[in-house]
Amino acid sequence: LKGSEDRATSEQVLDPRTRLILHKLLQRGALQKLEGCLSTGKEANVYYAVAGAGIADLNADVEDGQELAVKVYKTSILVFRD
């Protein structure tokens, strides 16, 4: 059984699965770096990133070194309040 720590989030959006995906993008060189949060919203957070040489493997129309905004949608386990 999975506990609440398996679903825990940081910055209200980065659960372990999302962090793993971002880590893999960094390891594969698709991203050179992923930095702080540029914007937070009700449904997602936007992070600053720089594309790496491995971005070409994703068939993206992005060049190595290009600045990117990475939008990460908040997980469904969060409780939204009015």
C-alpha atoms as a PDB file:
ATOM      1  CA  LEU A   1       0.000   0.000   0.000  1.00  0.00           C
ATOM      2  CA  LYS A   2       1.134   3.475  -0.756  1.00  0.00           C
ATOM      3  CA  GLY A   3       1.151   6.042   1.998  1.00  0.00           C
ATOM      4  CA  SER A   4       0.518   9.750   1.911  1.00  0.00           C
ATOM      5  CA  GLU A   5       4.266  10.387   1.529  1.00  0.00           C
ATOM      6  CA  ASP A   6       4.042   8.761  -1.937  1.00  0.00           C
ATOM      7  CA  ARG A   7       1.524  11.399  -2.955  1.00  0.00           C
ATOM      8  CA  ALA A   8       3.071  14.317  -1.097  1.00  0.00           C
ATOM      9  CA  THR A   9       3.711  17.449  -3.076  1.00  0.00           C
ATOM     10  CA  SER A  10       6.239  20.218  -2.869  1.00  0.00           C
ATOM     11  CA  GLU A  11       5.430  23.724  -4.067  1.00  0.00           C
ATOM     12  CA  GLN A  12       1.835  22.447  -4.377  1.00  0.00           C
ATOM     13  CA  VAL A  13       2.603  20.700  -7.670  1.00  0.00           C
ATOM     14  CA  LEU A  14       5.707  18.486  -7.609  1.00  0.00           C
ATOM     15  CA  ASP A  15       4.737  15.021  -6.473  1.00  0.00           C
ATOM     16  CA  PRO A  16       7.371  12.245  -6.668  1.00  0.00           C
ATOM     17  CA  ARG A  17       6.267  11.143 -10.148  1.00  0.00           C
ATOM     18  CA  THR A  18       6.495  14.688 -11.548  1.00  0.00           C
ATOM     19  CA  ARG A  19       9.917  15.212  -9.951  1.00  0.00           C
ATOM     20  CA  LEU A  20      11.096  11.945 -11.522  1.00  0.00           C
ATOM     21  CA  ILE A  21       9.939  13.026 -14.983  1.00  0.00           C
ATOM     22  CA  LEU A  22      11.705  16.381 -14.659  1.00  0.00           C
ATOM     23  CA  HIS A  23      14.834  14.632 -13.367  1.00  0.00           C
ATOM     24  CA  LYS A  24      14.833  12.316 -16.403  1.00  0.00           C
ATOM     25  CA  LEU A  25      14.569  15.296 -18.756  1.00  0.00           C
ATOM     26  CA  LEU A  26      17.633  16.777 -17.055  1.00  0.00           C
ATOM     27  CA  GLN A  27      19.548  13.477 -17.130  1.00  0.00           C
ATOM     28  CA  ARG A  28      18.845  12.925 -20.834  1.00  0.00           C
ATOM     29  CA  GLY A  29      20.012  16.423 -21.647  1.00  0.00           C
ATOM     30  CA  ALA A  30      16.645  17.634 -22.895  1.00  0.00           C
ATOM     31  CA  LEU A  31      16.981  20.381 -20.307  1.00  0.00           C
ATOM     32  CA  GLN A  32      20.297  21.997 -19.335  1.00  0.00           C
ATOM     33  CA  LYS A  33      18.782  23.422 -16.196  1.00  0.00           C
ATOM     34  CA  LEU A  34      15.463  23.849 -14.475  1.00  0.00           C
ATOM     35  CA  GLU A  35      15.255  26.743 -12.081  1.00  0.00           C
ATOM     36  CA  GLY A  36      12.767  28.486  -9.863  1.00  0.00           C
ATOM     37  CA  CYS A  37       9.102  29.071 -10.196  1.00  0.00           C
ATOM     38  CA  LEU A  38       8.219  32.028 -12.416  1.00  0.00           C
ATOM     39  CA  SER A  39       4.507  31.981 -11.768  1.00  0.00           C
ATOM     40  CA  THR A  40       1.965  30.142  -9.685  1.00  0.00           C
ATOM     41  CA  GLY A  41      -1.664  29.820 -10.551  1.00  0.00           C
ATOM     42  CA  LYS A  42      -4.761  27.992  -9.535  1.00  0.00           C
ATOM     43  CA  GLU A  43      -4.095  25.051 -11.873  1.00  0.00           C
ATOM     44  CA  ALA A  44      -0.354  25.062 -12.586  1.00  0.00           C
ATOM     45  CA  ASN A  45       3.087  26.465 -11.819  1.00  0.00           C
ATOM     46  CA  VAL A  46       5.499  27.730 -14.472  1.00  0.00           C
ATOM     47  CA  TYR A  47       9.243  27.150 -14.122  1.00  0.00           C
ATOM     48  CA  TYR A  48      12.215  28.671 -15.945  1.00  0.00           C
ATOM     49  CA  ALA A  49      14.334  26.182 -17.905  1.00  0.00           C
ATOM     50  CA  VAL A  50      17.024  26.121 -20.586  1.00  0.00           C
ATOM     51  CA  ALA A  51      16.865  23.541 -23.391  1.00  0.00           C
ATOM     52  CA  GLY A  52      19.737  21.086 -23.725  1.00  0.00           C
ATOM     53  CA  ALA A  53      21.167  19.252 -26.725  1.00  0.00           C
ATOM     54  CA  GLY A  54      18.917  16.256 -25.983  1.00  0.00           C
ATOM     55  CA  ILE A  55      15.804  18.313 -26.720  1.00  0.00           C
ATOM     56  CA  ALA A  56      16.151  17.270 -30.382  1.00  0.00           C
ATOM     57  CA  ASP A  57      15.341  13.677 -29.346  1.00  0.00           C
ATOM     58  CA  LEU A  58      11.862  14.859 -28.358  1.00  0.00           C
ATOM     59  CA  ASN A  59      11.153  16.209 -31.862  1.00  0.00           C
ATOM     60  CA  ALA A  60      10.599  19.625 -30.339  1.00  0.00           C
ATOM     61  CA  ASP A  61      10.966  22.780 -32.396  1.00  0.00           C
ATOM     62  CA  VAL A  62      13.424  24.119 -29.835  1.00  0.00           C
ATOM     63  CA  GLU A  63      17.159  24.765 -30.062  1.00  0.00           C
ATOM     64  CA  ASP A  64      19.873  23.909 -27.565  1.00  0.00           C
ATOM     65  CA  GLY A  65      20.292  26.802 -25.140  1.00  0.00           C
ATOM     66  CA  GLN A  66      16.872  28.287 -25.812  1.00  0.00           C
ATOM     67  CA  GLU A  67      15.027  29.609 -22.770  1.00  0.00           C
ATOM     68  CA  LEU A  68      11.830  27.758 -21.948  1.00  0.00           C
ATOM     69  CA  ALA A  69       8.850  27.995 -19.667  1.00  0.00           C
ATOM     70  CA  VAL A  70       7.877  24.601 -18.257  1.00  0.00           C
ATOM     71  CA  LYS A  71       4.270  24.438 -17.145  1.00  0.00           C
ATOM     72  CA  VAL A  72       3.496  21.792 -14.537  1.00  0.00           C
ATOM     73  CA  TYR A  73      -0.134  21.202 -13.712  1.00  0.00           C
ATOM     74  CA  LYS A  74      -1.035  20.677 -10.091  1.00  0.00           C
ATOM     75  CA  THR A  75      -1.868  17.141  -9.077  1.00  0.00           C
ATOM     76  CA  SER A  76      -5.404  15.945  -8.643  1.00  0.00           C
ATOM     77  CA  ILE A  77      -4.903  15.179  -4.949  1.00  0.00           C
ATOM     78  CA  LEU A  78      -4.822  18.837  -4.025  1.00  0.00           C
ATOM     79  CA  VAL A  79      -7.854  20.430  -2.478  1.00  0.00           C
ATOM     80  CA  PHE A  80      -8.834  23.673  -4.172  1.00  0.00           C
ATOM     81  CA  ARG A  81     -10.472  26.291  -2.010  1.00  0.00           C
ATOM     82  CA  ASP A  82     -12.517  29.313  -3.001  1.00  0.00           C
END
